[in-house]
Amino acid sequence: MKIEKCKLQIVGHPECDKVVFTLFLSFIVYRVILSRSLTPDKTSVSGLDRMTVKSDRWIRRMAEEAQLIQPFEARLIREVAGTRIISAGASSYGYDMRLADDGFRVFSPIHGREIDPKHFDEDSLVEPPLRTADDGSKYYLMPPHSYALGVSVETFHMPRNVTGICMGKSTYARAGLAVNTTPLEAGWVGRLVIELGNLADLPLRVYVNEGIGQVLFFESDEDCSTSYEDRGGKYQGQTGLTYSRL
């Protein structure tokens, strides 16, 4: 009876719908990644081709040899100058990228009337002030139920046989922040634009120059026939916050 009562209370609630959709999308991504990692490629003669998640050793080696991530932290950083931060740097099987302070915007109806991804209106975004916490940390404040765009400190250089998936960090997720699951395609180069949603009923601090999301890297046994660079991807080489393009 308690379960049925709970279901009746949340069904149709817009914030519940957002959470359910985010969890569903994350589950689908997880299943796709798992199937690619564990299922042999049936088109391969040997049947042994796989796409595997890469370790911290591989990430460090590629950062040095191929500038996979620049700037790069070889270890997971949790403290800077005696102040605790949201972790950033190389983790066991991924890299915790940082949010930059040179490109952060929040969607607002103050000037914009609607959002059209085919004809994006920059007036639909506002730049919030950069604030300072008591410990000296810098942050932006996201209003309740708001959506924002940011950009990574790091520039990524994706090899032709490697793709990446950006996902959120549990520290922020437990505070109400949803980070959109974003692919880093093979052959793509640039700073990653990060889409952020505050699902909470309260304003939420988003700290700059600290961890904001984790990128997982998957390497294939063969190069793709057409990379993001080959097809002239519209977000290739972006050096800062870049809006929707066709």
Protein backbone atom coordinates (compact mmCIF):
# COMPACT_ATOMS: atom_id res chain seq x y z
CA MET A 1 0.00 0.00 0.00
CA LYS A 2 2.84 2.38 0.80
CA ILE A 3 4.42 1.79 -2.60
CA GLU A 4 1.17 2.45 -4.44
CA LYS A 5 0.65 5.66 -2.47
CA CYS A 6 4.15 6.87 -3.35
CA LYS A 7 3.55 6.14 -7.03
CA LEU A 8 0.38 8.17 -7.03
CA GLN A 9 2.13 11.13 -5.45
CA ILE A 10 4.99 11.37 -7.97
CA VAL A 11 3.40 10.34 -11.28
CA GLY A 12 3.24 13.33 -13.60
CA HIS A 13 5.38 15.54 -11.38
CA PRO A 14 7.67 17.48 -13.79
CA GLU A 15 10.80 17.19 -11.65
CA CYS A 16 10.22 13.48 -11.18
CA ASP A 17 9.88 13.13 -14.96
CA LYS A 18 13.26 14.84 -15.43
CA VAL A 19 14.98 12.54 -12.94
CA VAL A 20 13.37 9.42 -14.43
CA PHE A 21 14.39 10.48 -17.95
CA THR A 22 17.97 11.20 -16.85
CA LEU A 23 18.23 7.81 -15.12
CA PHE A 24 16.74 6.08 -18.16
CA LEU A 25 19.20 7.79 -20.54
CA SER A 26 22.14 6.90 -18.29
CA PHE A 27 20.97 3.27 -18.21
CA ILE A 28 20.76 3.13 -22.02
CA VAL A 29 24.27 4.60 -22.37
CA TYR A 30 25.56 2.10 -19.81
CA ARG A 31 23.99 -0.82 -21.70
CA VAL A 32 25.45 0.35 -25.02
CA ILE A 33 28.91 0.74 -23.48
CA LEU A 34 28.67 -2.66 -21.81
CA SER A 35 27.56 -4.39 -24.99
CA ARG A 36 30.39 -2.82 -26.97
CA SER A 37 32.94 -3.76 -24.33
CA LEU A 38 31.86 -7.39 -23.91
CA THR A 39 30.33 -8.49 -27.21
CA PRO A 40 32.64 -9.64 -30.03
CA ASP A 41 32.31 -7.78 -33.31
CA LYS A 42 30.45 -10.26 -35.50
CA THR A 43 31.67 -8.49 -38.66
CA SER A 44 35.27 -9.20 -37.71
CA VAL A 45 36.97 -12.25 -39.17
CA SER A 46 38.47 -13.13 -35.82
CA GLY A 47 35.45 -12.08 -33.79
CA LEU A 48 37.77 -10.61 -31.18
CA ASP A 49 37.49 -6.88 -31.89
CA ARG A 50 36.29 -5.00 -28.81
CA MET A 51 35.90 -1.47 -27.54
CA THR A 52 37.40 -1.35 -24.04
CA VAL A 53 37.39 1.30 -21.32
CA LYS A 54 40.87 2.73 -20.75
CA SER A 55 42.77 2.93 -17.48
CA ASP A 56 44.63 5.77 -15.78
CA ARG A 57 47.91 4.36 -17.14
CA TRP A 58 46.64 4.66 -20.71
CA ILE A 59 45.26 8.15 -20.08
CA ARG A 60 48.60 9.37 -18.68
CA ARG A 61 50.51 7.85 -21.59
CA MET A 62 48.19 9.37 -24.20
CA ALA A 63 48.25 12.76 -22.49
CA GLU A 64 52.04 12.76 -22.80
CA GLU A 65 52.40 11.21 -26.25
CA ALA A 66 49.32 12.52 -28.08
CA GLN A 67 48.17 15.52 -25.99
CA LEU A 68 44.89 13.72 -25.30
CA ILE A 69 44.07 16.20 -22.52
CA GLN A 70 45.66 19.64 -22.06
CA PRO A 71 46.23 20.91 -19.40
CA PHE A 72 46.55 17.57 -17.65
CA GLU A 73 46.61 16.44 -14.02
CA ALA A 74 48.25 13.02 -13.74
CA ARG A 75 46.67 12.34 -10.33
CA LEU A 76 43.26 12.97 -8.82
CA ILE A 77 43.46 16.33 -7.02
CA ARG A 78 41.25 16.81 -3.95
CA GLU A 79 42.96 19.76 -2.29
CA VAL A 80 44.59 22.98 -3.53
CA ALA A 81 46.57 25.30 -1.24
CA GLY A 82 45.02 23.70 1.82
CA THR A 83 41.43 24.02 0.52
CA ARG A 84 39.32 20.99 -0.32
CA ILE A 85 37.96 20.97 -3.87
CA ILE A 86 35.63 18.81 -5.93
CA SER A 87 38.06 16.24 -7.32
CA ALA A 88 39.73 16.80 -10.69
CA GLY A 89 42.34 14.90 -12.70
CA ALA A 90 43.03 11.30 -13.68
CA SER A 91 40.99 8.67 -11.82
CA SER A 92 41.11 4.88 -12.09
CA TYR A 93 39.25 4.60 -15.41
CA GLY A 94 38.48 8.14 -16.47
CA TYR A 95 39.37 11.81 -16.20
CA ASP A 96 37.58 14.37 -14.03
CA MET A 97 37.54 17.57 -16.08
CA ARG A 98 37.17 21.04 -14.59
CA LEU A 99 34.67 23.83 -15.22
CA ALA A 100 36.24 26.99 -16.66
CA ASP A 101 35.47 30.53 -15.54
CA ASP A 102 35.54 32.08 -19.03
CA GLY A 103 32.25 30.83 -20.46
CA PHE A 104 29.19 30.23 -18.28
CA ARG A 105 25.64 31.20 -19.21
CA VAL A 106 22.19 30.48 -17.75
CA PHE A 107 18.99 30.36 -19.80
CA SER A 108 16.62 33.16 -18.83
CA PRO A 109 13.29 34.56 -20.14
CA ILE A 110 14.35 38.13 -19.35
CA HIS A 111 15.39 38.89 -22.93
CA GLY A 112 14.67 35.72 -24.93
CA ARG A 113 11.19 34.52 -25.92
CA GLU A 114 11.95 30.93 -26.93
CA ILE A 115 14.84 28.56 -27.62
CA ASP A 116 15.28 27.36 -31.20
CA PRO A 117 18.29 25.06 -31.73
CA LYS A 118 18.14 25.79 -35.48
CA HIS A 119 18.27 29.56 -34.97
CA PHE A 120 19.86 30.00 -31.58
CA ASP A 121 19.27 33.38 -29.93
CA GLU A 122 22.11 34.39 -27.62
CA ASP A 123 19.70 36.76 -25.84
CA SER A 124 18.10 33.72 -24.23
CA LEU A 125 21.21 33.42 -22.06
CA VAL A 126 22.55 35.62 -19.28
CA GLU A 127 25.96 35.64 -17.62
CA PRO A 128 25.69 35.31 -13.84
CA PRO A 129 28.28 37.00 -11.60
CA LEU A 130 31.28 35.00 -10.45
CA ARG A 131 31.09 34.78 -6.67
CA THR A 132 33.65 34.05 -3.95
CA ALA A 133 33.05 31.60 -1.10
CA ASP A 134 34.38 32.05 2.44
CA ASP A 135 37.32 29.72 1.69
CA GLY A 136 38.25 31.68 -1.45
CA SER A 137 36.69 29.24 -3.93
CA LYS A 138 35.03 30.80 -6.97
CA TYR A 139 31.55 29.71 -8.08
CA TYR A 140 28.48 30.52 -10.13
CA LEU A 141 25.04 30.31 -8.56
CA MET A 142 22.40 28.46 -10.59
CA PRO A 143 18.76 29.39 -9.79
CA PRO A 144 16.34 26.57 -8.90
CA HIS A 145 15.19 24.51 -11.92
CA SER A 146 17.53 26.40 -14.26
CA TYR A 147 19.62 25.18 -17.18
CA ALA A 148 23.11 26.42 -17.97
CA LEU A 149 26.00 26.02 -20.40
CA GLY A 150 29.63 25.92 -19.37
CA VAL A 151 32.93 24.85 -20.91
CA SER A 152 35.80 22.68 -19.75
CA VAL A 153 39.19 24.01 -18.75
CA GLU A 154 40.74 21.17 -20.72
CA THR A 155 41.15 20.80 -24.47
CA PHE A 156 40.69 17.25 -25.77
CA HIS A 157 42.41 15.71 -28.81
CA MET A 158 40.51 12.50 -29.58
CA PRO A 159 42.40 9.84 -31.56
CA ARG A 160 40.79 8.27 -34.59
CA ASN A 161 40.10 4.98 -32.80
CA VAL A 162 38.93 6.44 -29.47
CA THR A 163 35.57 7.84 -28.37
CA GLY A 164 34.68 9.36 -25.03
CA ILE A 165 31.58 9.73 -22.87
CA CYS A 166 31.18 12.61 -20.40
CA MET A 167 29.05 11.88 -17.35
CA GLY A 168 28.23 13.68 -14.11
CA LYS A 169 29.95 13.44 -10.74
CA SER A 170 28.17 11.90 -7.77
CA THR A 171 29.08 14.83 -5.49
CA TYR A 172 27.08 17.20 -7.68
CA ALA A 173 24.33 14.66 -8.46
CA ARG A 174 23.60 14.35 -4.73
CA ALA A 175 23.19 18.12 -4.59
CA GLY A 176 20.67 18.21 -7.46
CA LEU A 177 22.93 18.91 -10.46
CA ALA A 178 22.43 16.90 -13.65
CA VAL A 179 25.23 16.89 -16.24
CA ASN A 180 24.14 15.93 -19.74
CA THR A 181 25.69 12.74 -21.09
CA THR A 182 27.87 14.01 -23.95
CA PRO A 183 29.98 12.10 -26.50
CA LEU A 184 33.54 13.06 -27.45
CA GLU A 185 33.72 11.61 -30.94
CA ALA A 186 36.73 10.05 -32.62
CA GLY A 187 38.84 12.75 -34.28
CA TRP A 188 37.22 15.63 -32.38
CA VAL A 189 39.40 18.41 -30.98
CA GLY A 190 38.28 21.18 -28.65
CA ARG A 191 37.11 22.27 -25.23
CA LEU A 192 33.97 20.45 -24.19
CA VAL A 193 30.74 22.40 -23.77
CA ILE A 194 28.97 21.17 -20.63
CA GLU A 195 25.18 21.26 -20.25
CA LEU A 196 24.01 21.59 -16.66
CA GLY A 197 20.57 21.35 -15.05
CA ASN A 198 19.73 22.31 -11.47
CA LEU A 199 16.88 19.97 -10.54
CA ALA A 200 16.68 21.18 -6.95
CA ASP A 201 14.24 23.64 -5.41
CA LEU A 202 17.16 25.74 -4.12
CA PRO A 203 19.96 27.73 -5.75
CA LEU A 204 23.02 25.57 -6.43
CA ARG A 205 26.70 26.52 -6.39
CA VAL A 206 28.80 25.36 -9.34
CA TYR A 207 32.51 25.80 -8.63
CA VAL A 208 34.98 26.86 -11.30
CA ASN A 209 38.43 25.30 -11.74
CA GLU A 210 37.12 22.24 -9.90
CA GLY A 211 35.77 18.91 -11.14
CA ILE A 212 32.46 19.07 -12.98
CA GLY A 213 32.19 15.76 -14.87
CA GLN A 214 34.08 12.58 -15.68
CA VAL A 215 35.13 11.49 -19.17
CA LEU A 216 35.46 7.77 -19.90
CA PHE A 217 37.58 6.73 -22.89
CA PHE A 218 36.88 3.71 -25.11
CA GLU A 219 39.42 2.44 -27.64
CA SER A 220 38.48 0.33 -30.65
CA ASP A 221 40.72 -2.28 -32.30
CA GLU A 222 40.35 -0.46 -35.60
CA ASP A 223 40.07 3.11 -36.86
CA CYS A 224 36.68 4.43 -37.91
CA SER A 225 36.18 4.93 -41.65
CA THR A 226 35.00 8.53 -41.16
CA SER A 227 36.05 10.57 -38.13
CA TYR A 228 34.48 13.73 -36.74
CA GLU A 229 37.32 15.69 -38.36
CA ASP A 230 36.82 13.96 -41.73
CA ARG A 231 33.18 14.99 -41.97
CA GLY A 232 33.90 18.57 -40.92
CA GLY A 233 32.02 18.42 -37.63
CA LYS A 234 30.43 21.76 -36.75
CA TYR A 235 31.96 21.86 -33.26
CA GLN A 236 35.47 20.90 -34.36
CA GLY A 237 38.19 23.08 -32.84
CA GLN A 238 35.92 25.02 -30.47
CA THR A 239 38.04 27.02 -28.02
CA GLY A 240 35.29 28.31 -25.75
CA LEU A 241 31.55 28.27 -25.13
CA THR A 242 29.85 27.45 -28.45
CA TYR A 243 26.08 27.58 -28.97
CA SER A 244 23.81 25.31 -31.05
CA ARG A 245 24.68 25.18 -34.75
CA LEU A 246 23.27 23.52 -37.85
